[in-house]
Full PDB file with SEQRES, HELIX, SHEET, SSBOND, CRYST1, ORIGX, SCALE, CONECT and MASTER records, all heavy atoms in Angstrom:
SEQRES   1 A   42  ILE CYS GLU VAL LYS PHE ARG ALA ALA ASP GLN ILE SER          
SEQRES   2 A   42  ALA MET HIS ARG LEU ASP PRO VAL ILE GLN ALA LEU ASP          
SEQRES   3 A   42  GLY GLU LEU GLN ASN ALA LYS THR GLU ALA ASP ALA ILE          
SEQRES   4 A   42  LYS LEU LYS                                                  
HELIX    1 AA1 CYS A    2  LYS A    5  1                                   4    
HELIX    2 AA2 ALA A    8  LEU A   18  1                                  11    
HELIX    3 AA3 PRO A   20  GLN A   30  1                                  11    
HELIX    4 AA4 GLU A   35  LEU A   41  1                                   7    
CRYST1    1.000    1.000    1.000  90.00  90.00  90.00 P 1           1          
ORIGX1      1.000000  0.000000  0.000000        0.00000                         
ORIGX2      0.000000  1.000000  0.000000        0.00000                         
ORIGX3      0.000000  0.000000  1.000000        0.00000                         
SCALE1      1.000000  0.000000  0.000000        0.00000                         
SCALE2      0.000000  1.000000  0.000000        0.00000                         
SCALE3      0.000000  0.000000  1.000000        0.00000                         
ATOM      1  N   ILE A   1      14.550   3.520  -4.634  1.00  0.00           N  
ATOM      2  CA  ILE A   1      13.644   4.349  -3.828  1.00  0.00           C  
ATOM      3  C   ILE A   1      13.971   5.822  -4.001  1.00  0.00           C  
ATOM      4  O   ILE A   1      13.083   6.682  -3.989  1.00  0.00           O  
ATOM      5  CB  ILE A   1      13.698   3.935  -2.339  1.00  0.00           C  
ATOM      6  CG1 ILE A   1      12.477   4.472  -1.582  1.00  0.00           C  
ATOM      7  CG2 ILE A   1      14.958   4.401  -1.668  1.00  0.00           C  
ATOM      8  CD1 ILE A   1      11.176   3.857  -1.985  1.00  0.00           C  
ATOM      9  N   CYS A   2      15.264   6.154  -4.208  1.00  0.00           N  
ATOM     10  CA  CYS A   2      15.652   7.551  -4.405  1.00  0.00           C  
ATOM     11  C   CYS A   2      15.154   8.075  -5.757  1.00  0.00           C  
ATOM     12  O   CYS A   2      14.811   9.251  -5.878  1.00  0.00           O  
ATOM     13  CB  CYS A   2      17.157   7.713  -4.300  1.00  0.00           C  
ATOM     14  SG  CYS A   2      17.787   7.505  -2.613  1.00  0.00           S  
ATOM     15  N   GLU A   3      15.136   7.199  -6.759  1.00  0.00           N  
ATOM     16  CA  GLU A   3      14.608   7.604  -8.063  1.00  0.00           C  
ATOM     17  C   GLU A   3      13.130   7.959  -7.977  1.00  0.00           C  
ATOM     18  O   GLU A   3      12.631   8.802  -8.714  1.00  0.00           O  
ATOM     19  CB  GLU A   3      14.810   6.476  -9.079  1.00  0.00           C  
ATOM     20  CG  GLU A   3      16.239   6.340  -9.581  1.00  0.00           C  
ATOM     21  CD  GLU A   3      16.367   5.249 -10.622  1.00  0.00           C  
ATOM     22  OE1 GLU A   3      15.327   4.807 -11.148  1.00  0.00           O  
ATOM     23  OE2 GLU A   3      17.508   4.833 -10.905  1.00  0.00           O  
ATOM     24  N   VAL A   4      12.435   7.308  -7.061  1.00  0.00           N  
ATOM     25  CA  VAL A   4      11.000   7.538  -6.915  1.00  0.00           C  
ATOM     26  C   VAL A   4      10.717   8.691  -5.959  1.00  0.00           C  
ATOM     27  O   VAL A   4       9.884   9.558  -6.232  1.00  0.00           O  
ATOM     28  CB  VAL A   4      10.300   6.252  -6.418  1.00  0.00           C  
ATOM     29  CG1 VAL A   4       8.819   6.517  -6.147  1.00  0.00           C  
ATOM     30  CG2 VAL A   4      10.475   5.129  -7.425  1.00  0.00           C  
ATOM     31  N   LYS A   5      11.429   8.707  -4.821  1.00  0.00           N  
ATOM     32  CA  LYS A   5      11.100   9.630  -3.735  1.00  0.00           C  
ATOM     33  C   LYS A   5      11.977  10.879  -3.674  1.00  0.00           C  
ATOM     34  O   LYS A   5      11.616  11.850  -3.008  1.00  0.00           O  
ATOM     35  CB  LYS A   5      11.210   8.891  -2.397  1.00  0.00           C  
ATOM     36  CG  LYS A   5      10.128   7.851  -2.150  1.00  0.00           C  
ATOM     37  CD  LYS A   5       8.798   8.508  -1.859  1.00  0.00           C  
ATOM     38  CE  LYS A   5       7.772   7.505  -1.390  1.00  0.00           C  
ATOM     39  NZ  LYS A   5       6.471   8.167  -1.086  1.00  0.00           N  
ATOM     40  N   PHE A   6      13.138  10.862  -4.331  1.00  0.00           N  
ATOM     41  CA  PHE A   6      14.074  11.990  -4.184  1.00  0.00           C  
ATOM     42  C   PHE A   6      14.733  12.265  -5.523  1.00  0.00           C  
ATOM     43  O   PHE A   6      15.923  12.064  -5.710  1.00  0.00           O  
ATOM     44  CB  PHE A   6      15.117  11.659  -3.106  1.00  0.00           C  
ATOM     45  CG  PHE A   6      15.830  12.866  -2.563  1.00  0.00           C  
ATOM     46  CD1 PHE A   6      15.130  13.955  -2.061  1.00  0.00           C  
ATOM     47  CD2 PHE A   6      17.218  12.913  -2.539  1.00  0.00           C  
ATOM     48  CE1 PHE A   6      15.797  15.055  -1.544  1.00  0.00           C  
ATOM     49  CE2 PHE A   6      17.893  14.009  -2.033  1.00  0.00           C  
ATOM     50  CZ  PHE A   6      17.170  15.090  -1.535  1.00  0.00           C  
ATOM     51  N   ARG A   7      13.926  12.713  -6.441  1.00  0.00           N  
ATOM     52  CA  ARG A   7      14.405  12.970  -7.803  1.00  0.00           C  
ATOM     53  C   ARG A   7      15.235  14.253  -7.847  1.00  0.00           C  
ATOM     54  O   ARG A   7      15.361  14.966  -6.843  1.00  0.00           O  
ATOM     55  CB  ARG A   7      13.219  13.050  -8.753  1.00  0.00           C  
ATOM     56  CG  ARG A   7      12.434  11.748  -8.813  1.00  0.00           C  
ATOM     57  CD  ARG A   7      11.206  11.852  -9.695  1.00  0.00           C  
ATOM     58  NE  ARG A   7      10.494  10.578  -9.746  1.00  0.00           N  
ATOM     59  CZ  ARG A   7       9.343  10.386 -10.362  1.00  0.00           C  
ATOM     60  NH1 ARG A   7       8.762  11.388 -11.011  1.00  0.00           N  
ATOM     61  NH2 ARG A   7       8.768   9.196 -10.355  1.00  0.00           N  
ATOM     62  N   ALA A   8      15.798  14.536  -9.037  1.00  0.00           N  
ATOM     63  CA  ALA A   8      16.702  15.684  -9.183  1.00  0.00           C  
ATOM     64  C   ALA A   8      16.044  16.989  -8.733  1.00  0.00           C  
ATOM     65  O   ALA A   8      16.668  17.812  -8.060  1.00  0.00           O  
ATOM     66  CB  ALA A   8      17.161  15.788 -10.633  1.00  0.00           C  
ATOM     67  N   ALA A   9      14.768  17.172  -9.099  1.00  0.00           N  
ATOM     68  CA  ALA A   9      14.064  18.402  -8.706  1.00  0.00           C  
ATOM     69  C   ALA A   9      13.954  18.514  -7.186  1.00  0.00           C  
ATOM     70  O   ALA A   9      14.096  19.610  -6.613  1.00  0.00           O  
ATOM     71  CB  ALA A   9      12.680  18.429  -9.345  1.00  0.00           C  
ATOM     72  N   ASP A  10      13.718  17.382  -6.519  1.00  0.00           N  
ATOM     73  CA  ASP A  10      13.630  17.383  -5.052  1.00  0.00           C  
ATOM     74  C   ASP A  10      14.998  17.677  -4.429  1.00  0.00           C  
ATOM     75  O   ASP A  10      15.084  18.365  -3.412  1.00  0.00           O  
ATOM     76  CB  ASP A  10      13.121  16.027  -4.558  1.00  0.00           C  
ATOM     77  CG  ASP A  10      11.739  15.701  -5.094  1.00  0.00           C  
ATOM     78  OD1 ASP A  10      10.868  16.581  -5.036  1.00  0.00           O  
ATOM     79  OD2 ASP A  10      11.537  14.568  -5.581  1.00  0.00           O  
ATOM     80  N   GLN A  11      16.050  17.142  -5.040  1.00  0.00           N  
ATOM     81  CA  GLN A  11      17.392  17.391  -4.532  1.00  0.00           C  
ATOM     82  C   GLN A  11      17.755  18.876  -4.649  1.00  0.00           C  
ATOM     83  O   GLN A  11      18.313  19.467  -3.723  1.00  0.00           O  
ATOM     84  CB  GLN A  11      18.409  16.548  -5.300  1.00  0.00           C  
ATOM     85  CG  GLN A  11      18.234  15.046  -5.099  1.00  0.00           C  
ATOM     86  CD  GLN A  11      19.161  14.240  -5.977  1.00  0.00           C  
ATOM     87  OE1 GLN A  11      20.342  14.536  -6.071  1.00  0.00           O  
ATOM     88  NE2 GLN A  11      18.631  13.212  -6.628  1.00  0.00           N  
ATOM     89  N   ILE A  12      17.429  19.471  -5.784  1.00  0.00           N  
ATOM     90  CA  ILE A  12      17.721  20.892  -5.988  1.00  0.00           C  
ATOM     91  C   ILE A  12      16.930  21.737  -5.007  1.00  0.00           C  
ATOM     92  O   ILE A  12      17.436  22.721  -4.442  1.00  0.00           O  
ATOM     93  CB  ILE A  12      17.417  21.291  -7.446  1.00  0.00           C  
ATOM     94  CG1 ILE A  12      18.462  20.640  -8.381  1.00  0.00           C  
ATOM     95  CG2 ILE A  12      17.431  22.807  -7.616  1.00  0.00           C  
ATOM     96  CD1 ILE A  12      18.163  20.810  -9.846  1.00  0.00           C  
ATOM     97  N   SER A  13      15.679  21.341  -4.777  1.00  0.00           N  
ATOM     98  CA  SER A  13      14.863  22.061  -3.793  1.00  0.00           C  
ATOM     99  C   SER A  13      15.488  21.988  -2.406  1.00  0.00           C  
ATOM    100  O   SER A  13      15.518  22.984  -1.666  1.00  0.00           O  
ATOM    101  CB  SER A  13      13.453  21.466  -3.774  1.00  0.00           C  
ATOM    102  OG  SER A  13      12.668  22.076  -2.779  1.00  0.00           O  
ATOM    103  N   ALA A  14      16.024  20.811  -2.052  1.00  0.00           N  
ATOM    104  CA  ALA A  14      16.687  20.652  -0.752  1.00  0.00           C  
ATOM    105  C   ALA A  14      17.956  21.498  -0.668  1.00  0.00           C  
ATOM    106  O   ALA A  14      18.266  22.069   0.384  1.00  0.00           O  
ATOM    107  CB  ALA A  14      17.028  19.176  -0.533  1.00  0.00           C  
ATOM    108  N   MET A  15      18.682  21.614  -1.785  1.00  0.00           N  
ATOM    109  CA  MET A  15      19.901  22.446  -1.806  1.00  0.00           C  
ATOM    110  C   MET A  15      19.562  23.904  -1.500  1.00  0.00           C  
ATOM    111  O   MET A  15      20.248  24.557  -0.707  1.00  0.00           O  
ATOM    112  CB  MET A  15      20.570  22.365  -3.182  1.00  0.00           C  
ATOM    113  CG  MET A  15      21.158  21.025  -3.530  1.00  0.00           C  
ATOM    114  SD  MET A  15      21.762  21.064  -5.241  1.00  0.00           S  
ATOM    115  CE  MET A  15      21.928  19.312  -5.568  1.00  0.00           C  
ATOM    116  N   HIS A  16      18.502  24.380  -2.131  1.00  0.00           N  
ATOM    117  CA  HIS A  16      18.117  25.782  -1.919  1.00  0.00           C  
ATOM    118  C   HIS A  16      17.620  26.007  -0.487  1.00  0.00           C  
ATOM    119  O   HIS A  16      17.654  27.134   0.006  1.00  0.00           O  
ATOM    120  CB  HIS A  16      17.038  26.186  -2.928  1.00  0.00           C  
ATOM    121  CG  HIS A  16      17.573  26.417  -4.316  1.00  0.00           C  
ATOM    122  ND1 HIS A  16      17.809  27.669  -4.827  1.00  0.00           N  
ATOM    123  CD2 HIS A  16      17.950  25.541  -5.286  1.00  0.00           C  
ATOM    124  CE1 HIS A  16      18.284  27.571  -6.065  1.00  0.00           C  
ATOM    125  NE2 HIS A  16      18.376  26.285  -6.366  1.00  0.00           N  
ATOM    126  N   ARG A  17      17.204  24.951   0.155  1.00  0.00           N  
ATOM    127  CA  ARG A  17      16.727  25.060   1.535  1.00  0.00           C  
ATOM    128  C   ARG A  17      17.860  24.941   2.553  1.00  0.00           C  
ATOM    129  O   ARG A  17      17.784  25.502   3.646  1.00  0.00           O  
ATOM    130  CB  ARG A  17      15.682  23.970   1.784  1.00  0.00           C  
ATOM    131  CG  ARG A  17      14.935  24.105   3.112  1.00  0.00           C  
ATOM    132  CD  ARG A  17      13.866  23.055   3.271  1.00  0.00           C  
ATOM    133  NE  ARG A  17      14.408  21.715   3.484  1.00  0.00           N  
ATOM    134  CZ  ARG A  17      14.366  20.747   2.603  1.00  0.00           C  
ATOM    135  NH1 ARG A  17      13.807  20.944   1.409  1.00  0.00           N  
ATOM    136  NH2 ARG A  17      14.885  19.551   2.877  1.00  0.00           N  
ATOM    137  N   LEU A  18      18.947  24.217   2.163  1.00  0.00           N  
ATOM    138  CA  LEU A  18      19.969  23.859   3.144  1.00  0.00           C  
ATOM    139  C   LEU A  18      21.342  24.466   2.897  1.00  0.00           C  
ATOM    140  O   LEU A  18      22.081  24.733   3.853  1.00  0.00           O  
ATOM    141  CB  LEU A  18      20.119  22.317   3.193  1.00  0.00           C  
ATOM    142  CG  LEU A  18      18.861  21.523   3.548  1.00  0.00           C  
ATOM    143  CD1 LEU A  18      19.122  20.026   3.357  1.00  0.00           C  
ATOM    144  CD2 LEU A  18      18.431  21.794   4.975  1.00  0.00           C  
ATOM    145  N   ASP A  19      21.722  24.643   1.645  1.00  0.00           N  
ATOM    146  CA  ASP A  19      23.093  25.057   1.340  1.00  0.00           C  
ATOM    147  C   ASP A  19      23.260  26.571   1.486  1.00  0.00           C  
ATOM    148  O   ASP A  19      22.580  27.353   0.803  1.00  0.00           O  
ATOM    149  CB  ASP A  19      23.456  24.639  -0.085  1.00  0.00           C  
ATOM    150  CG  ASP A  19      24.908  24.955  -0.407  1.00  0.00           C  
ATOM    151  OD1 ASP A  19      25.788  24.399   0.271  1.00  0.00           O  
ATOM    152  OD2 ASP A  19      25.146  25.758  -1.328  1.00  0.00           O  
ATOM    153  N   PRO A  20      24.174  27.044   2.351  1.00  0.00           N  
ATOM    154  CA  PRO A  20      24.339  28.486   2.570  1.00  0.00           C  
ATOM    155  C   PRO A  20      24.848  29.226   1.328  1.00  0.00           C  
ATOM    156  O   PRO A  20      24.501  30.395   1.113  1.00  0.00           O  
ATOM    157  CB  PRO A  20      25.342  28.567   3.726  1.00  0.00           C  
ATOM    158  CG  PRO A  20      26.029  27.244   3.737  1.00  0.00           C  
ATOM    159  CD  PRO A  20      25.037  26.255   3.244  1.00  0.00           C  
ATOM    160  N   VAL A  21      25.679  28.567   0.516  1.00  0.00           N  
ATOM    161  CA  VAL A  21      26.200  29.219  -0.700  1.00  0.00           C  
ATOM    162  C   VAL A  21      25.053  29.491  -1.669  1.00  0.00           C  
ATOM    163  O   VAL A  21      24.929  30.594  -2.235  1.00  0.00           O  
ATOM    164  CB  VAL A  21      27.283  28.346  -1.371  1.00  0.00           C  
ATOM    165  CG1 VAL A  21      27.712  28.957  -2.699  1.00  0.00           C  
ATOM    166  CG2 VAL A  21      28.476  28.161  -0.434  1.00  0.00           C  
ATOM    167  N   ILE A  22      24.208  28.508  -1.886  1.00  0.00           N  
ATOM    168  CA  ILE A  22      23.064  28.684  -2.791  1.00  0.00           C  
ATOM    169  C   ILE A  22      22.088  29.706  -2.224  1.00  0.00           C  
ATOM    170  O   ILE A  22      21.520  30.512  -2.970  1.00  0.00           O  
ATOM    171  CB  ILE A  22      22.374  27.329  -3.037  1.00  0.00           C  
ATOM    172  CG1 ILE A  22      23.253  26.446  -3.923  1.00  0.00           C  
ATOM    173  CG2 ILE A  22      21.002  27.519  -3.678  1.00  0.00           C  
ATOM    174  CD1 ILE A  22      22.657  25.097  -4.284  1.00  0.00           C  
ATOM    175  N   GLN A  23      21.897  29.689  -0.918  1.00  0.00           N  
ATOM    176  CA  GLN A  23      20.996  30.673  -0.301  1.00  0.00           C  
ATOM    177  C   GLN A  23      21.511  32.098  -0.521  1.00  0.00           C  
ATOM    178  O   GLN A  23      20.732  33.016  -0.800  1.00  0.00           O  
ATOM    179  CB  GLN A  23      20.851  30.378   1.195  1.00  0.00           C  
ATOM    180  CG  GLN A  23      20.050  29.120   1.491  1.00  0.00           C  
ATOM    181  CD  GLN A  23      20.019  28.783   2.970  1.00  0.00           C  
ATOM    182  OE1 GLN A  23      20.813  29.307   3.756  1.00  0.00           O  
ATOM    183  NE2 GLN A  23      19.112  27.891   3.354  1.00  0.00           N  
ATOM    184  N   ALA A  24      22.829  32.247  -0.409  1.00  0.00           N  
ATOM    185  CA  ALA A  24      23.422  33.581  -0.641  1.00  0.00           C  
ATOM    186  C   ALA A  24      23.252  34.000  -2.096  1.00  0.00           C  
ATOM    187  O   ALA A  24      22.903  35.167  -2.387  1.00  0.00           O  
ATOM    188  CB  ALA A  24      24.907  33.552  -0.261  1.00  0.00           C  
ATOM    189  N   LEU A  25      23.462  33.083  -3.034  1.00  0.00           N  
ATOM    190  CA  LEU A  25      23.286  33.383  -4.457  1.00  0.00           C  
ATOM    191  C   LEU A  25      21.828  33.703  -4.776  1.00  0.00           C  
ATOM    192  O   LEU A  25      21.538  34.584  -5.599  1.00  0.00           O  
ATOM    193  CB  LEU A  25      23.767  32.201  -5.311  1.00  0.00           C  
ATOM    194  CG  LEU A  25      25.283  31.953  -5.330  1.00  0.00           C  
ATOM    195  CD1 LEU A  25      25.602  30.636  -6.039  1.00  0.00           C  
ATOM    196  CD2 LEU A  25      26.007  33.111  -6.019  1.00  0.00           C  
ATOM    197  N   ASP A  26      20.896  32.998  -4.118  1.00  0.00           N  
ATOM    198  CA  ASP A  26      19.471  33.283  -4.318  1.00  0.00           C  
ATOM    199  C   ASP A  26      19.150  34.714  -3.873  1.00  0.00           C  
ATOM    200  O   ASP A  26      18.383  35.434  -4.528  1.00  0.00           O  
ATOM    201  CB  ASP A  26      18.608  32.286  -3.521  1.00  0.00           C  
ATOM    202  CG  ASP A  26      18.501  30.932  -4.207  1.00  0.00           C  
ATOM    203  OD1 ASP A  26      18.686  30.878  -5.435  1.00  0.00           O  
ATOM    204  OD2 ASP A  26      18.205  29.934  -3.511  1.00  0.00           O  
ATOM    205  N   GLY A  27      19.747  35.104  -2.731  1.00  0.00           N  
ATOM    206  CA  GLY A  27      19.511  36.457  -2.234  1.00  0.00           C  
ATOM    207  C   GLY A  27      20.068  37.500  -3.190  1.00  0.00           C  
ATOM    208  O   GLY A  27      19.420  38.534  -3.448  1.00  0.00           O  
ATOM    209  N   GLU A  28      21.255  37.244  -3.737  1.00  0.00           N  
ATOM    210  CA  GLU A  28      21.856  38.181  -4.687  1.00  0.00           C  
ATOM    211  C   GLU A  28      21.047  38.244  -5.971  1.00  0.00           C  
ATOM    212  O   GLU A  28      20.905  39.318  -6.575  1.00  0.00           O  
ATOM    213  CB  GLU A  28      23.297  37.747  -5.000  1.00  0.00           C  
ATOM    214  CG  GLU A  28      24.268  37.891  -3.825  1.00  0.00           C  
ATOM    215  CD  GLU A  28      25.668  37.444  -4.190  1.00  0.00           C  
ATOM    216  OE1 GLU A  28      26.001  37.493  -5.402  1.00  0.00           O  
ATOM    217  OE2 GLU A  28      26.427  37.024  -3.287  1.00  0.00           O  
ATOM    218  N   LEU A  29      20.503  37.088  -6.393  1.00  0.00           N  
ATOM    219  CA  LEU A  29      19.722  37.048  -7.627  1.00  0.00           C  
ATOM    220  C   LEU A  29      18.443  37.880  -7.496  1.00  0.00           C  
ATOM    221  O   LEU A  29      18.036  38.570  -8.440  1.00  0.00           O  
ATOM    222  CB  LEU A  29      19.378  35.598  -7.978  1.00  0.00           C  
ATOM    223  CG  LEU A  29      18.581  35.372  -9.271  1.00  0.00           C  
ATOM    224  CD1 LEU A  29      19.355  35.904 -10.485  1.00  0.00           C  
ATOM    225  CD2 LEU A  29      18.261  33.891  -9.450  1.00  0.00           C  
ATOM    226  N   GLN A  30      17.834  37.835  -6.328  1.00  0.00           N  
ATOM    227  CA  GLN A  30      16.613  38.620  -6.109  1.00  0.00           C  
ATOM    228  C   GLN A  30      16.893  40.116  -6.165  1.00  0.00           C  
ATOM    229  O   GLN A  30      16.023  40.910  -6.545  1.00  0.00           O  
ATOM    230  CB  GLN A  30      15.993  38.247  -4.753  1.00  0.00           C  
ATOM    231  CG  GLN A  30      15.371  36.849  -4.720  1.00  0.00           C  
ATOM    232  CD  GLN A  30      14.769  36.530  -3.354  1.00  0.00           C  
ATOM    233  OE1 GLN A  30      14.890  37.319  -2.410  1.00  0.00           O  
ATOM    234  NE2 GLN A  30      14.145  35.366  -3.245  1.00  0.00           N  
ATOM    235  N   ASN A  31      18.110  40.488  -5.782  1.00  0.00           N  
ATOM    236  CA  ASN A  31      18.455  41.908  -5.751  1.00  0.00           C  
ATOM    237  C   ASN A  31      19.308  42.340  -6.948  1.00  0.00           C  
ATOM    238  O   ASN A  31      19.885  43.435  -6.939  1.00  0.00           O  
ATOM    239  CB  ASN A  31      19.211  42.225  -4.447  1.00  0.00           C  
ATOM    240  CG  ASN A  31      18.367  41.945  -3.217  1.00  0.00           C  
ATOM    241  OD1 ASN A  31      17.166  42.221  -3.212  1.00  0.00           O  
ATOM    242  ND2 ASN A  31      18.994  41.404  -2.183  1.00  0.00           N  
ATOM    243  N   ALA A  32      19.410  41.479  -7.948  1.00  0.00           N  
ATOM    244  CA  ALA A  32      20.226  41.800  -9.132  1.00  0.00           C  
ATOM    245  C   ALA A  32      19.669  43.046  -9.832  1.00  0.00           C  
ATOM    246  O   ALA A  32      18.459  43.162 -10.054  1.00  0.00           O  
ATOM    247  CB  ALA A  32      20.251  40.610 -10.084  1.00  0.00           C  
ATOM    248  N   LYS A  33      20.565  43.959 -10.206  1.00  0.00           N  
ATOM    249  CA  LYS A  33      20.135  45.234 -10.792  1.00  0.00           C  
ATOM    250  C   LYS A  33      20.140  45.209 -12.318  1.00  0.00           C  
ATOM    251  O   LYS A  33      19.442  45.993 -12.954  1.00  0.00           O  
ATOM    252  CB  LYS A  33      21.033  46.371 -10.282  1.00  0.00           C  
ATOM    253  CG  LYS A  33      20.926  46.559  -8.757  1.00  0.00           C  
ATOM    254  CD  LYS A  33      21.841  47.682  -8.277  1.00  0.00           C  
ATOM    255  CE  LYS A  33      21.708  47.873  -6.770  1.00  0.00           C  
ATOM    256  NZ  LYS A  33      22.611  48.947  -6.274  1.00  0.00           N  
ATOM    257  N   THR A  34      20.940  44.335 -12.885  1.00  0.00           N  
ATOM    258  CA  THR A  34      20.995  44.274 -14.348  1.00  0.00           C  
ATOM    259  C   THR A  34      20.767  42.837 -14.823  1.00  0.00           C  
ATOM    260  O   THR A  34      20.943  41.877 -14.068  1.00  0.00           O  
ATOM    261  CB  THR A  34      22.370  44.746 -14.869  1.00  0.00           C  
ATOM    262  OG1 THR A  34      23.374  43.824 -14.435  1.00  0.00           O  
ATOM    263  CG2 THR A  34      22.701  46.144 -14.350  1.00  0.00           C  
ATOM    264  N   GLU A  35      20.402  42.706 -16.099  1.00  0.00           N  
ATOM    265  CA  GLU A  35      20.173  41.390 -16.698  1.00  0.00           C  
ATOM    266  C   GLU A  35      21.466  40.585 -16.733  1.00  0.00           C  
ATOM    267  O   GLU A  35      21.460  39.359 -16.537  1.00  0.00           O  
ATOM    268  CB  GLU A  35      19.614  41.557 -18.114  1.00  0.00           C  
ATOM    269  CG  GLU A  35      19.226  40.252 -18.787  1.00  0.00           C  
ATOM    270  CD  GLU A  35      18.075  39.555 -18.094  1.00  0.00           C  
ATOM    271  OE1 GLU A  35      17.288  40.223 -17.405  1.00  0.00           O  
ATOM    272  OE2 GLU A  35      17.987  38.315 -18.239  1.00  0.00           O  
ATOM    273  N   ALA A  36      22.579  41.267 -16.975  1.00  0.00           N  
ATOM    274  CA  ALA A  36      23.874  40.587 -17.029  1.00  0.00           C  
ATOM    275  C   ALA A  36      24.234  39.971 -15.682  1.00  0.00           C  
ATOM    276  O   ALA A  36      24.730  38.837 -15.601  1.00  0.00           O  
ATOM    277  CB  ALA A  36      24.956  41.561 -17.466  1.00  0.00           C  
ATOM    278  N   ASP A  37      23.959  40.733 -14.606  1.00  0.00           N  
ATOM    279  CA  ASP A  37      24.220  40.216 -13.265  1.00  0.00           C  
ATOM    280  C   ASP A  37      23.354  38.981 -12.984  1.00  0.00           C  
ATOM    281  O   ASP A  37      23.807  37.991 -12.387  1.00  0.00           O  
ATOM    282  CB  ASP A  37      23.944  41.279 -12.207  1.00  0.00           C  
ATOM    283  CG  ASP A  37      24.986  42.399 -12.236  1.00  0.00           C  
ATOM    284  OD1 ASP A  37      26.072  42.152 -12.802  1.00  0.00           O  
ATOM    285  OD2 ASP A  37      24.709  43.486 -11.705  1.00  0.00           O  
ATOM    286  N   ALA A  38      22.084  39.033 -13.395  1.00  0.00           N  
ATOM    287  CA  ALA A  38      21.164  37.919 -13.173  1.00  0.00           C  
ATOM    288  C   ALA A  38      21.631  36.663 -13.909  1.00  0.00           C  
ATOM    289  O   ALA A  38      21.608  35.555 -13.357  1.00  0.00           O  
ATOM    290  CB  ALA A  38      19.757  38.300 -13.619  1.00  0.00           C  
ATOM    291  N   ILE A  39      22.069  36.833 -15.150  1.00  0.00           N  
ATOM    292  CA  ILE A  39      22.553  35.691 -15.939  1.00  0.00           C  
ATOM    293  C   ILE A  39      23.784  35.062 -15.284  1.00  0.00           C  
ATOM    294  O   ILE A  39      23.921  33.834 -15.208  1.00  0.00           O  
ATOM    295  CB  ILE A  39      22.861  36.139 -17.382  1.00  0.00           C  
ATOM    296  CG1 ILE A  39      21.553  36.520 -18.096  1.00  0.00           C  
ATOM    297  CG2 ILE A  39      23.589  35.040 -18.135  1.00  0.00           C  
ATOM    298  CD1 ILE A  39      21.766  37.130 -19.470  1.00  0.00           C  
ATOM    299  N   LYS A  40      24.667  35.921 -14.793  1.00  0.00           N  
ATOM    300  CA  LYS A  40      25.887  35.437 -14.148  1.00  0.00           C  
ATOM    301  C   LYS A  40      25.572  34.655 -12.875  1.00  0.00           C  
ATOM    302  O   LYS A  40      26.138  33.585 -12.613  1.00  0.00           O  
ATOM    303  CB  LYS A  40      26.796  36.626 -13.828  1.00  0.00           C  
ATOM    304  CG  LYS A  40      28.140  36.226 -13.219  1.00  0.00           C  
ATOM    305  CD  LYS A  40      28.991  37.455 -12.951  1.00  0.00           C  
ATOM    306  CE  LYS A  40      30.320  37.056 -12.315  1.00  0.00           C  
ATOM    307  NZ  LYS A  40      31.171  38.234 -12.030  1.00  0.00           N  
ATOM    308  N   LEU A  41      24.619  35.190 -12.090  1.00  0.00           N  
ATOM    309  CA  LEU A  41      24.236  34.526 -10.842  1.00  0.00           C  
ATOM    310  C   LEU A  41      23.540  33.196 -11.115  1.00  0.00           C  
ATOM    311  O   LEU A  41      23.759  32.203 -10.409  1.00  0.00           O  
ATOM    312  CB  LEU A  41      23.332  35.445 -10.012  1.00  0.00           C  
ATOM    313  CG  LEU A  41      24.033  36.656  -9.381  1.00  0.00           C  
ATOM    314  CD1 LEU A  41      23.010  37.642  -8.842  1.00  0.00           C  
ATOM    315  CD2 LEU A  41      24.958  36.184  -8.246  1.00  0.00           C  
ATOM    316  N   LYS A  42      22.699  33.151 -12.148  1.00  0.00           N  
ATOM    317  CA  LYS A  42      22.016  31.902 -12.516  1.00  0.00           C  
ATOM    318  C   LYS A  42      23.031  30.838 -12.933  1.00  0.00           C  
ATOM    319  O   LYS A  42      22.875  29.663 -12.610  1.00  0.00           O  
ATOM    320  CB  LYS A  42      21.022  32.155 -13.632  1.00  0.00           C  
ATOM    321  CG  LYS A  42      19.777  32.907 -13.190  1.00  0.00           C  
ATOM    322  CD  LYS A  42      18.831  33.147 -14.361  1.00  0.00           C  
ATOM    323  CE  LYS A  42      17.597  33.927 -13.921  1.00  0.00           C  
ATOM    324  NZ  LYS A  42      16.683  34.196 -15.063  1.00  0.00           N  
TER     325      LYS A  42                                                      
MASTER        0    0    0    4    0    0    0    6  324    1    0    4          
END                                                                             
């Protein structure tokens, strides 16, 4: 049922919604000033 209803893409989406570390990295990525910083954050 997880393979059907909760695939890897859904899990990653849930991480970005729930995990504070990922949320902080997402915020830093949006404000990245250089391409090198963006690559590192990704």
